[in-house]
Each structure stands twice: as C-alpha cells, then as structure tokens.
C-alpha cells in the first residue's frame, strides 16, 4: 500500500509542513524555531 501514503506525505510535507514553517519562520520572523515547527507539524 504505497499510493495513498504518497498523497498523505504530499499533504503532510508540502501543504502543512513547508507552508507553516515558512509562515512562522520567515513571515512572522520566528527564525529557525519557526521553520522547525513546520517540520514537526509535517
């Protein structure tokens, strides 16, 4: 079973993780910790 998990990873990493990390780390200027919150979430 690999197709559905692929879509899960797409959602987790590219819809949740990266945008959240960018928003917190770059946009809100929380720096490295903000980017890593995105990693944790994804």
ModelCIF file with pLDDT and N, C-alpha, C, O atoms, coordinates in Angstrom:
data_MODEL
#
_entry.id   MODEL 
#
_entity.id                         1 
_entity.type                       polymer 
_entity.pdbx_number_of_molecules   1 
#
_entity_poly.entity_id                      1 
_entity_poly.type                           'polypeptide(L)' 
_entity_poly.nstd_linkage                   no 
_entity_poly.nstd_monomer                   no 
_entity_poly.pdbx_seq_one_letter_code       
;(UNK)(UNK)(UNK)(UNK)(UNK)(UNK)(UNK)(UNK)(UNK)(UNK)(UNK)(UNK)(UNK)(UNK)(UNK)(UNK)
(UNK)(UNK)(UNK)(UNK)(UNK)(UNK)(UNK)(UNK)(UNK)(UNK)(UNK)(UNK)(UNK)(UNK)(UNK)(UNK)
(UNK)(UNK)(UNK)(UNK)(UNK)(UNK)(UNK)(UNK)(UNK)(UNK)
;
_entity_poly.pdbx_seq_one_letter_code_can   XXXXXXXXXXXXXXXXXXXXXXXXXXXXXXXXXXXXXXXXXX 
_entity_poly.pdbx_strand_id                 A 
#
loop_
_entity_poly_seq.entity_id 
_entity_poly_seq.num 
_entity_poly_seq.mon_id 
_entity_poly_seq.hetero 
1 1  UNK n 
1 2  UNK n 
1 3  UNK n 
1 4  UNK n 
1 5  UNK n 
1 6  UNK n 
1 7  UNK n 
1 8  UNK n 
1 9  UNK n 
1 10 UNK n 
1 11 UNK n 
1 12 UNK n 
1 13 UNK n 
1 14 UNK n 
1 15 UNK n 
1 16 UNK n 
1 17 UNK n 
1 18 UNK n 
1 19 UNK n 
1 20 UNK n 
1 21 UNK n 
1 22 UNK n 
1 23 UNK n 
1 24 UNK n 
1 25 UNK n 
1 26 UNK n 
1 27 UNK n 
1 28 UNK n 
1 29 UNK n 
1 30 UNK n 
1 31 UNK n 
1 32 UNK n 
1 33 UNK n 
1 34 UNK n 
1 35 UNK n 
1 36 UNK n 
1 37 UNK n 
1 38 UNK n 
1 39 UNK n 
1 40 UNK n 
1 41 UNK n 
1 42 UNK n 
#
_struct_asym.id          A 
_struct_asym.entity_id   1 
#
loop_
_ma_qa_metric.id 
_ma_qa_metric.mode 
_ma_qa_metric.name 
_ma_qa_metric.software_group_id 
_ma_qa_metric.type 
1 global pLDDT . pLDDT 
2 local  pLDDT . pLDDT 
#
_ma_qa_metric_global.metric_id      1 
_ma_qa_metric_global.metric_value   91.29 
_ma_qa_metric_global.model_id       1 
_ma_qa_metric_global.ordinal_id     1 
#
loop_
_ma_qa_metric_local.label_asym_id 
_ma_qa_metric_local.label_comp_id 
_ma_qa_metric_local.label_seq_id 
_ma_qa_metric_local.metric_id 
_ma_qa_metric_local.metric_value 
_ma_qa_metric_local.model_id 
_ma_qa_metric_local.ordinal_id 
A UNK 1  2 94.00 1 1  
A UNK 2  2 94.00 1 2  
A UNK 3  2 94.00 1 3  
A UNK 4  2 95.00 1 4  
A UNK 5  2 95.00 1 5  
A UNK 6  2 95.00 1 6  
A UNK 7  2 95.00 1 7  
A UNK 8  2 95.00 1 8  
A UNK 9  2 94.00 1 9  
A UNK 10 2 93.00 1 10 
A UNK 11 2 95.00 1 11 
A UNK 12 2 94.00 1 12 
A UNK 13 2 93.00 1 13 
A UNK 14 2 92.00 1 14 
A UNK 15 2 94.00 1 15 
A UNK 16 2 94.00 1 16 
A UNK 17 2 91.00 1 17 
A UNK 18 2 90.00 1 18 
A UNK 19 2 93.00 1 19 
A UNK 20 2 94.00 1 20 
A UNK 21 2 91.00 1 21 
A UNK 22 2 90.00 1 22 
A UNK 23 2 92.00 1 23 
A UNK 24 2 92.00 1 24 
A UNK 25 2 88.00 1 25 
A UNK 26 2 86.00 1 26 
A UNK 27 2 88.00 1 27 
A UNK 28 2 90.00 1 28 
A UNK 29 2 87.00 1 29 
A UNK 30 2 86.00 1 30 
A UNK 31 2 83.00 1 31 
A UNK 32 2 84.00 1 32 
A UNK 33 2 88.00 1 33 
A UNK 34 2 90.00 1 34 
A UNK 35 2 88.00 1 35 
A UNK 36 2 88.00 1 36 
A UNK 37 2 91.00 1 37 
A UNK 38 2 91.00 1 38 
A UNK 39 2 89.00 1 39 
A UNK 40 2 91.00 1 40 
A UNK 41 2 94.00 1 41 
A UNK 42 2 93.00 1 42 
#
loop_
_atom_site.group_PDB 
_atom_site.id 
_atom_site.type_symbol 
_atom_site.label_atom_id 
_atom_site.label_alt_id 
_atom_site.label_comp_id 
_atom_site.label_asym_id 
_atom_site.label_entity_id 
_atom_site.label_seq_id 
_atom_site.pdbx_PDB_ins_code 
_atom_site.Cartn_x 
_atom_site.Cartn_y 
_atom_site.Cartn_z 
_atom_site.occupancy 
_atom_site.B_iso_or_equiv 
_atom_site.pdbx_formal_charge 
_atom_site.auth_seq_id 
_atom_site.auth_comp_id 
_atom_site.auth_asym_id 
_atom_site.auth_atom_id 
_atom_site.pdbx_PDB_model_num 
ATOM 1   N N  . UNK A 1 1  ? 0.860  -1.185 0.000  1.00 94.00 ? 1  UNK A N  1 
ATOM 2   C CA . UNK A 1 1  ? 0.000  0.000  0.000  1.00 94.00 ? 1  UNK A CA 1 
ATOM 3   C C  . UNK A 1 1  ? 0.892  1.228  0.000  1.00 94.00 ? 1  UNK A C  1 
ATOM 4   O O  . UNK A 1 1  ? 1.417  1.618  1.043  1.00 94.00 ? 1  UNK A O  1 
ATOM 5   N N  . UNK A 1 2  ? 1.066  1.845  -1.171 1.00 94.00 ? 2  UNK A N  1 
ATOM 6   C CA . UNK A 1 2  ? 2.002  2.965  -1.267 1.00 94.00 ? 2  UNK A CA 1 
ATOM 7   C C  . UNK A 1 2  ? 1.401  4.224  -1.891 1.00 94.00 ? 2  UNK A C  1 
ATOM 8   O O  . UNK A 1 2  ? 1.938  5.316  -1.705 1.00 94.00 ? 2  UNK A O  1 
ATOM 9   N N  . UNK A 1 3  ? 0.308  4.092  -2.621 1.00 94.00 ? 3  UNK A N  1 
ATOM 10  C CA . UNK A 1 3  ? -0.239 5.259  -3.321 1.00 94.00 ? 3  UNK A CA 1 
ATOM 11  C C  . UNK A 1 3  ? -0.888 6.251  -2.367 1.00 94.00 ? 3  UNK A C  1 
ATOM 12  O O  . UNK A 1 3  ? -0.584 7.443  -2.410 1.00 94.00 ? 3  UNK A O  1 
ATOM 13  N N  . UNK A 1 4  ? -1.787 5.765  -1.498 1.00 95.00 ? 4  UNK A N  1 
ATOM 14  C CA . UNK A 1 4  ? -2.438 6.653  -0.532 1.00 95.00 ? 4  UNK A CA 1 
ATOM 15  C C  . UNK A 1 4  ? -1.404 7.270  0.421  1.00 95.00 ? 4  UNK A C  1 
ATOM 16  O O  . UNK A 1 4  ? -1.476 8.470  0.685  1.00 95.00 ? 4  UNK A O  1 
ATOM 17  N N  . UNK A 1 5  ? -0.439 6.489  0.948  1.00 95.00 ? 5  UNK A N  1 
ATOM 18  C CA . UNK A 1 5  ? 0.598  7.106  1.781  1.00 95.00 ? 5  UNK A CA 1 
ATOM 19  C C  . UNK A 1 5  ? 1.385  8.203  1.058  1.00 95.00 ? 5  UNK A C  1 
ATOM 20  O O  . UNK A 1 5  ? 1.835  9.162  1.685  1.00 95.00 ? 5  UNK A O  1 
ATOM 21  N N  . UNK A 1 6  ? 1.550  8.059  -0.268 1.00 95.00 ? 6  UNK A N  1 
ATOM 22  C CA . UNK A 1 6  ? 2.227  9.109  -1.020 1.00 95.00 ? 6  UNK A CA 1 
ATOM 23  C C  . UNK A 1 6  ? 1.436  10.418 -0.947 1.00 95.00 ? 6  UNK A C  1 
ATOM 24  O O  . UNK A 1 6  ? 2.017  11.485 -0.749 1.00 95.00 ? 6  UNK A O  1 
ATOM 25  N N  . UNK A 1 7  ? 0.103  10.335 -1.107 1.00 95.00 ? 7  UNK A N  1 
ATOM 26  C CA . UNK A 1 7  ? -0.738 11.532 -1.025 1.00 95.00 ? 7  UNK A CA 1 
ATOM 27  C C  . UNK A 1 7  ? -0.737 12.107 0.398  1.00 95.00 ? 7  UNK A C  1 
ATOM 28  O O  . UNK A 1 7  ? -0.803 13.321 0.593  1.00 95.00 ? 7  UNK A O  1 
ATOM 29  N N  . UNK A 1 8  ? -0.662 11.208 1.382  1.00 95.00 ? 8  UNK A N  1 
ATOM 30  C CA . UNK A 1 8  ? -0.563 11.669 2.774  1.00 95.00 ? 8  UNK A CA 1 
ATOM 31  C C  . UNK A 1 8  ? 0.713  12.478 2.968  1.00 95.00 ? 8  UNK A C  1 
ATOM 32  O O  . UNK A 1 8  ? 0.692  13.546 3.579  1.00 95.00 ? 8  UNK A O  1 
ATOM 33  N N  . UNK A 1 9  ? 1.841  11.958 2.437  1.00 94.00 ? 9  UNK A N  1 
ATOM 34  C CA . UNK A 1 9  ? 3.114  12.678 2.565  1.00 94.00 ? 9  UNK A CA 1 
ATOM 35  C C  . UNK A 1 9  ? 3.084  14.007 1.821  1.00 94.00 ? 9  UNK A C  1 
ATOM 36  O O  . UNK A 1 9  ? 3.624  15.006 2.296  1.00 94.00 ? 9  UNK A O  1 
ATOM 37  N N  . UNK A 1 10 ? 2.447  14.012 0.648  1.00 93.00 ? 10 UNK A N  1 
ATOM 38  C CA . UNK A 1 10 ? 2.312  15.259 -0.101 1.00 93.00 ? 10 UNK A CA 1 
ATOM 39  C C  . UNK A 1 10 ? 1.574  16.308 0.732  1.00 93.00 ? 10 UNK A C  1 
ATOM 40  O O  . UNK A 1 10 ? 1.985  17.466 0.798  1.00 93.00 ? 10 UNK A O  1 
ATOM 41  N N  . UNK A 1 11 ? 0.484  15.888 1.364  1.00 95.00 ? 11 UNK A N  1 
ATOM 42  C CA . UNK A 1 11 ? -0.295 16.796 2.202  1.00 95.00 ? 11 UNK A CA 1 
ATOM 43  C C  . UNK A 1 11 ? 0.500  17.219 3.441  1.00 95.00 ? 11 UNK A C  1 
ATOM 44  O O  . UNK A 1 11 ? 0.563  18.399 3.785  1.00 95.00 ? 11 UNK A O  1 
ATOM 45  N N  . UNK A 1 12 ? 1.110  16.219 4.107  1.00 94.00 ? 12 UNK A N  1 
ATOM 46  C CA . UNK A 1 12 ? 1.801  16.484 5.373  1.00 94.00 ? 12 UNK A CA 1 
ATOM 47  C C  . UNK A 1 12 ? 3.001  17.409 5.184  1.00 94.00 ? 12 UNK A C  1 
ATOM 48  O O  . UNK A 1 12 ? 3.199  18.338 5.967  1.00 94.00 ? 12 UNK A O  1 
ATOM 49  N N  . UNK A 1 13 ? 3.804  17.155 4.144  1.00 93.00 ? 13 UNK A N  1 
ATOM 50  C CA . UNK A 1 13 ? 5.057  17.883 3.990  1.00 93.00 ? 13 UNK A CA 1 
ATOM 51  C C  . UNK A 1 13 ? 4.908  19.181 3.192  1.00 93.00 ? 13 UNK A C  1 
ATOM 52  O O  . UNK A 1 13 ? 5.541  20.186 3.513  1.00 93.00 ? 13 UNK A O  1 
ATOM 53  N N  . UNK A 1 14 ? 4.072  19.156 2.154  1.00 92.00 ? 14 UNK A N  1 
ATOM 54  C CA . UNK A 1 14 ? 4.017  20.291 1.246  1.00 92.00 ? 14 UNK A CA 1 
ATOM 55  C C  . UNK A 1 14 ? 2.800  21.193 1.449  1.00 92.00 ? 14 UNK A C  1 
ATOM 56  O O  . UNK A 1 14 ? 2.800  22.342 1.008  1.00 92.00 ? 14 UNK A O  1 
ATOM 57  N N  . UNK A 1 15 ? 1.761  20.678 2.114  1.00 94.00 ? 15 UNK A N  1 
ATOM 58  C CA . UNK A 1 15 ? 0.586  21.509 2.404  1.00 94.00 ? 15 UNK A CA 1 
ATOM 59  C C  . UNK A 1 15 ? 0.626  22.006 3.847  1.00 94.00 ? 15 UNK A C  1 
ATOM 60  O O  . UNK A 1 15 ? 0.223  23.133 4.133  1.00 94.00 ? 15 UNK A O  1 
ATOM 61  N N  . UNK A 1 16 ? 1.118  21.153 4.760  1.00 94.00 ? 16 UNK A N  1 
ATOM 62  C CA . UNK A 1 16 ? 1.185  21.528 6.171  1.00 94.00 ? 16 UNK A CA 1 
ATOM 63  C C  . UNK A 1 16 ? 2.590  21.995 6.564  1.00 94.00 ? 16 UNK A C  1 
ATOM 64  O O  . UNK A 1 16 ? 2.767  23.135 6.995  1.00 94.00 ? 16 UNK A O  1 
ATOM 65  N N  . UNK A 1 17 ? 3.581  21.125 6.417  1.00 91.00 ? 17 UNK A N  1 
ATOM 66  C CA . UNK A 1 17 ? 4.916  21.380 6.959  1.00 91.00 ? 17 UNK A CA 1 
ATOM 67  C C  . UNK A 1 17 ? 5.621  22.603 6.404  1.00 91.00 ? 17 UNK A C  1 
ATOM 68  O O  . UNK A 1 17 ? 5.963  23.519 7.151  1.00 91.00 ? 17 UNK A O  1 
ATOM 69  N N  . UNK A 1 18 ? 5.843  22.622 5.080  1.00 90.00 ? 18 UNK A N  1 
ATOM 70  C CA . UNK A 1 18 ? 6.591  23.736 4.483  1.00 90.00 ? 18 UNK A CA 1 
ATOM 71  C C  . UNK A 1 18 ? 5.876  25.083 4.600  1.00 90.00 ? 18 UNK A C  1 
ATOM 72  O O  . UNK A 1 18 ? 6.497  26.055 5.029  1.00 90.00 ? 18 UNK A O  1 
ATOM 73  N N  . UNK A 1 19 ? 4.584  25.178 4.234  1.00 93.00 ? 19 UNK A N  1 
ATOM 74  C CA . UNK A 1 19 ? 3.925  26.486 4.365  1.00 93.00 ? 19 UNK A CA 1 
ATOM 75  C C  . UNK A 1 19 ? 3.893  27.004 5.803  1.00 93.00 ? 19 UNK A C  1 
ATOM 76  O O  . UNK A 1 19 ? 4.104  28.192 6.047  1.00 93.00 ? 19 UNK A O  1 
ATOM 77  N N  . UNK A 1 20 ? 3.626  26.095 6.759  1.00 94.00 ? 20 UNK A N  1 
ATOM 78  C CA . UNK A 1 20 ? 3.592  26.516 8.156  1.00 94.00 ? 20 UNK A CA 1 
ATOM 79  C C  . UNK A 1 20 ? 4.963  26.986 8.609  1.00 94.00 ? 20 UNK A C  1 
ATOM 80  O O  . UNK A 1 20 ? 5.084  28.019 9.268  1.00 94.00 ? 20 UNK A O  1 
ATOM 81  N N  . UNK A 1 21 ? 6.010  26.219 8.254  1.00 91.00 ? 21 UNK A N  1 
ATOM 82  C CA . UNK A 1 21 ? 7.365  26.602 8.621  1.00 91.00 ? 21 UNK A CA 1 
ATOM 83  C C  . UNK A 1 21 ? 7.751  27.943 8.021  1.00 91.00 ? 21 UNK A C  1 
ATOM 84  O O  . UNK A 1 21 ? 8.363  28.772 8.694  1.00 91.00 ? 21 UNK A O  1 
ATOM 85  N N  . UNK A 1 22 ? 7.396  28.161 6.752  1.00 90.00 ? 22 UNK A N  1 
ATOM 86  C CA . UNK A 1 22 ? 7.706  29.431 6.094  1.00 90.00 ? 22 UNK A CA 1 
ATOM 87  C C  . UNK A 1 22 ? 6.963  30.588 6.766  1.00 90.00 ? 22 UNK A C  1 
ATOM 88  O O  . UNK A 1 22 ? 7.531  31.654 7.004  1.00 90.00 ? 22 UNK A O  1 
ATOM 89  N N  . UNK A 1 23 ? 5.692  30.358 7.064  1.00 92.00 ? 23 UNK A N  1 
ATOM 90  C CA . UNK A 1 23 ? 4.877  31.411 7.676  1.00 92.00 ? 23 UNK A CA 1 
ATOM 91  C C  . UNK A 1 23 ? 5.435  31.821 9.045  1.00 92.00 ? 23 UNK A C  1 
ATOM 92  O O  . UNK A 1 23 ? 5.571  33.005 9.349  1.00 92.00 ? 23 UNK A O  1 
ATOM 93  N N  . UNK A 1 24 ? 5.755  30.800 9.865  1.00 92.00 ? 24 UNK A N  1 
ATOM 94  C CA . UNK A 1 24 ? 6.247  31.092 11.213 1.00 92.00 ? 24 UNK A CA 1 
ATOM 95  C C  . UNK A 1 24 ? 7.690  31.593 11.197 1.00 92.00 ? 24 UNK A C  1 
ATOM 96  O O  . UNK A 1 24 ? 8.033  32.562 11.874 1.00 92.00 ? 24 UNK A O  1 
ATOM 97  N N  . UNK A 1 25 ? 8.531  30.913 10.410 1.00 88.00 ? 25 UNK A N  1 
ATOM 98  C CA . UNK A 1 25 ? 9.954  31.236 10.445 1.00 88.00 ? 25 UNK A CA 1 
ATOM 99  C C  . UNK A 1 25 ? 10.329 32.493 9.683  1.00 88.00 ? 25 UNK A C  1 
ATOM 100 O O  . UNK A 1 25 ? 11.159 33.280 10.140 1.00 88.00 ? 25 UNK A O  1 
ATOM 101 N N  . UNK A 1 26 ? 9.706  32.685 8.502  1.00 86.00 ? 26 UNK A N  1 
ATOM 102 C CA . UNK A 1 26 ? 10.086 33.810 7.638  1.00 86.00 ? 26 UNK A CA 1 
ATOM 103 C C  . UNK A 1 26 ? 9.102  34.979 7.755  1.00 86.00 ? 26 UNK A C  1 
ATOM 104 O O  . UNK A 1 26 ? 9.501  36.113 8.022  1.00 86.00 ? 26 UNK A O  1 
ATOM 105 N N  . UNK A 1 27 ? 7.800  34.684 7.551  1.00 88.00 ? 27 UNK A N  1 
ATOM 106 C CA . UNK A 1 27 ? 6.810  35.759 7.556  1.00 88.00 ? 27 UNK A CA 1 
ATOM 107 C C  . UNK A 1 27 ? 6.666  36.406 8.933  1.00 88.00 ? 27 UNK A C  1 
ATOM 108 O O  . UNK A 1 27 ? 6.708  37.630 9.059  1.00 88.00 ? 27 UNK A O  1 
ATOM 109 N N  . UNK A 1 28 ? 6.495  35.565 9.975  1.00 90.00 ? 28 UNK A N  1 
ATOM 110 C CA . UNK A 1 28 ? 6.343  36.094 11.336 1.00 90.00 ? 28 UNK A CA 1 
ATOM 111 C C  . UNK A 1 28 ? 7.685  36.317 12.031 1.00 90.00 ? 28 UNK A C  1 
ATOM 112 O O  . UNK A 1 28 ? 7.744  36.822 13.152 1.00 90.00 ? 28 UNK A O  1 
ATOM 113 N N  . UNK A 1 29 ? 8.773  35.927 11.334 1.00 87.00 ? 29 UNK A N  1 
ATOM 114 C CA . UNK A 1 29 ? 10.128 36.205 11.819 1.00 87.00 ? 29 UNK A CA 1 
ATOM 115 C C  . UNK A 1 29 ? 10.471 35.485 13.127 1.00 87.00 ? 29 UNK A C  1 
ATOM 116 O O  . UNK A 1 29 ? 11.183 36.026 13.972 1.00 87.00 ? 29 UNK A O  1 
ATOM 117 N N  . UNK A 1 30 ? 9.951  34.248 13.287 1.00 86.00 ? 30 UNK A N  1 
ATOM 118 C CA . UNK A 1 30 ? 10.339 33.449 14.449 1.00 86.00 ? 30 UNK A CA 1 
ATOM 119 C C  . UNK A 1 30 ? 11.660 32.722 14.223 1.00 86.00 ? 30 UNK A C  1 
ATOM 120 O O  . UNK A 1 30 ? 12.173 32.071 15.134 1.00 86.00 ? 30 UNK A O  1 
ATOM 121 N N  . UNK A 1 31 ? 12.218 32.827 13.010 1.00 83.00 ? 31 UNK A N  1 
ATOM 122 C CA . UNK A 1 31 ? 13.541 32.288 12.739 1.00 83.00 ? 31 UNK A CA 1 
ATOM 123 C C  . UNK A 1 31 ? 13.597 30.771 12.652 1.00 83.00 ? 31 UNK A C  1 
ATOM 124 O O  . UNK A 1 31 ? 12.613 30.131 12.281 1.00 83.00 ? 31 UNK A O  1 
ATOM 125 N N  . UNK A 1 32 ? 14.766 30.181 12.997 1.00 84.00 ? 32 UNK A N  1 
ATOM 126 C CA . UNK A 1 32 ? 14.960 28.731 12.882 1.00 84.00 ? 32 UNK A CA 1 
ATOM 127 C C  . UNK A 1 32 ? 13.890 27.912 13.615 1.00 84.00 ? 32 UNK A C  1 
ATOM 128 O O  . UNK A 1 32 ? 13.445 26.875 13.123 1.00 84.00 ? 32 UNK A O  1 
ATOM 129 N N  . UNK A 1 33 ? 13.486 28.392 14.796 1.00 88.00 ? 33 UNK A N  1 
ATOM 130 C CA . UNK A 1 33 ? 12.482 27.645 15.569 1.00 88.00 ? 33 UNK A CA 1 
ATOM 131 C C  . UNK A 1 33 ? 11.147 27.584 14.824 1.00 88.00 ? 33 UNK A C  1 
ATOM 132 O O  . UNK A 1 33 ? 10.460 26.564 14.865 1.00 88.00 ? 33 UNK A O  1 
ATOM 133 N N  . UNK A 1 34 ? 10.781 28.671 14.146 1.00 90.00 ? 34 UNK A N  1 
ATOM 134 C CA . UNK A 1 34 ? 9.541  28.682 13.373 1.00 90.00 ? 34 UNK A CA 1 
ATOM 135 C C  . UNK A 1 34 ? 9.579  27.689 12.228 1.00 90.00 ? 34 UNK A C  1 
ATOM 136 O O  . UNK A 1 34 ? 8.602  26.986 11.973 1.00 90.00 ? 34 UNK A O  1 
ATOM 137 N N  . UNK A 1 35 ? 10.718 27.633 11.535 1.00 88.00 ? 35 UNK A N  1 
ATOM 138 C CA . UNK A 1 35 ? 10.867 26.669 10.443 1.00 88.00 ? 35 UNK A CA 1 
ATOM 139 C C  . UNK A 1 35 ? 10.771 25.237 10.958 1.00 88.00 ? 35 UNK A C  1 
ATOM 140 O O  . UNK A 1 35 ? 10.190 24.373 10.301 1.00 88.00 ? 35 UNK A O  1 
ATOM 141 N N  . UNK A 1 36 ? 11.337 24.990 12.126 1.00 88.00 ? 36 UNK A N  1 
ATOM 142 C CA . UNK A 1 36 ? 11.313 23.633 12.676 1.00 88.00 ? 36 UNK A CA 1 
ATOM 143 C C  . UNK A 1 36 ? 9.924  23.246 13.191 1.00 88.00 ? 36 UNK A C  1 
ATOM 144 O O  . UNK A 1 36 ? 9.599  22.059 13.229 1.00 88.00 ? 36 UNK A O  1 
ATOM 145 N N  . UNK A 1 37 ? 9.113  24.201 13.580 1.00 91.00 ? 37 UNK A N  1 
ATOM 146 C CA . UNK A 1 37 ? 7.733  23.883 13.949 1.00 91.00 ? 37 UNK A CA 1 
ATOM 147 C C  . UNK A 1 37 ? 7.007  23.297 12.735 1.00 91.00 ? 37 UNK A C  1 
ATOM 148 O O  . UNK A 1 37 ? 6.182  22.393 12.868 1.00 91.00 ? 37 UNK A O  1 
ATOM 149 N N  . UNK A 1 38 ? 7.328  23.827 11.547 1.00 91.00 ? 38 UNK A N  1 
ATOM 150 C CA . UNK A 1 38 ? 6.767  23.269 10.319 1.00 91.00 ? 38 UNK A CA 1 
ATOM 151 C C  . UNK A 1 38 ? 7.191  21.825 10.115 1.00 91.00 ? 38 UNK A C  1 
ATOM 152 O O  . UNK A 1 38 ? 6.373  20.990 9.729  1.00 91.00 ? 38 UNK A O  1 
ATOM 153 N N  . UNK A 1 39 ? 8.473  21.516 10.371 1.00 89.00 ? 39 UNK A N  1 
ATOM 154 C CA . UNK A 1 39 ? 8.957  20.131 10.262 1.00 89.00 ? 39 UNK A CA 1 
ATOM 155 C C  . UNK A 1 39 ? 8.193  19.217 11.222 1.00 89.00 ? 39 UNK A C  1 
ATOM 156 O O  . UNK A 1 39 ? 7.743  18.135 10.845 1.00 89.00 ? 39 UNK A O  1 
ATOM 157 N N  . UNK A 1 40 ? 8.059  19.669 12.454 1.00 91.00 ? 40 UNK A N  1 
ATOM 158 C CA . UNK A 1 40 ? 7.353  18.875 13.470 1.00 91.00 ? 40 UNK A CA 1 
ATOM 159 C C  . UNK A 1 40 ? 5.916  18.614 13.034 1.00 91.00 ? 40 UNK A C  1 
ATOM 160 O O  . UNK A 1 40 ? 5.425  17.490 13.142 1.00 91.00 ? 40 UNK A O  1 
ATOM 161 N N  . UNK A 1 41 ? 5.248  19.644 12.544 1.00 94.00 ? 41 UNK A N  1 
ATOM 162 C CA . UNK A 1 41 ? 3.846  19.509 12.135 1.00 94.00 ? 41 UNK A CA 1 
ATOM 163 C C  . UNK A 1 41 ? 3.714  18.524 10.981 1.00 94.00 ? 41 UNK A C  1 
ATOM 164 O O  . UNK A 1 41 ? 2.834  17.663 10.994 1.00 94.00 ? 41 UNK A O  1 
ATOM 165 N N  . UNK A 1 42 ? 4.591  18.646 9.979  1.00 93.00 ? 42 UNK A N  1 
ATOM 166 C CA . UNK A 1 42 ? 4.520  17.751 8.828  1.00 93.00 ? 42 UNK A CA 1 
ATOM 167 C C  . UNK A 1 42 ? 4.743  16.295 9.212  1.00 93.00 ? 42 UNK A C  1 
ATOM 168 O O  . UNK A 1 42 ? 4.713  15.418 8.349  1.00 93.00 ? 42 UNK A O  1 
#
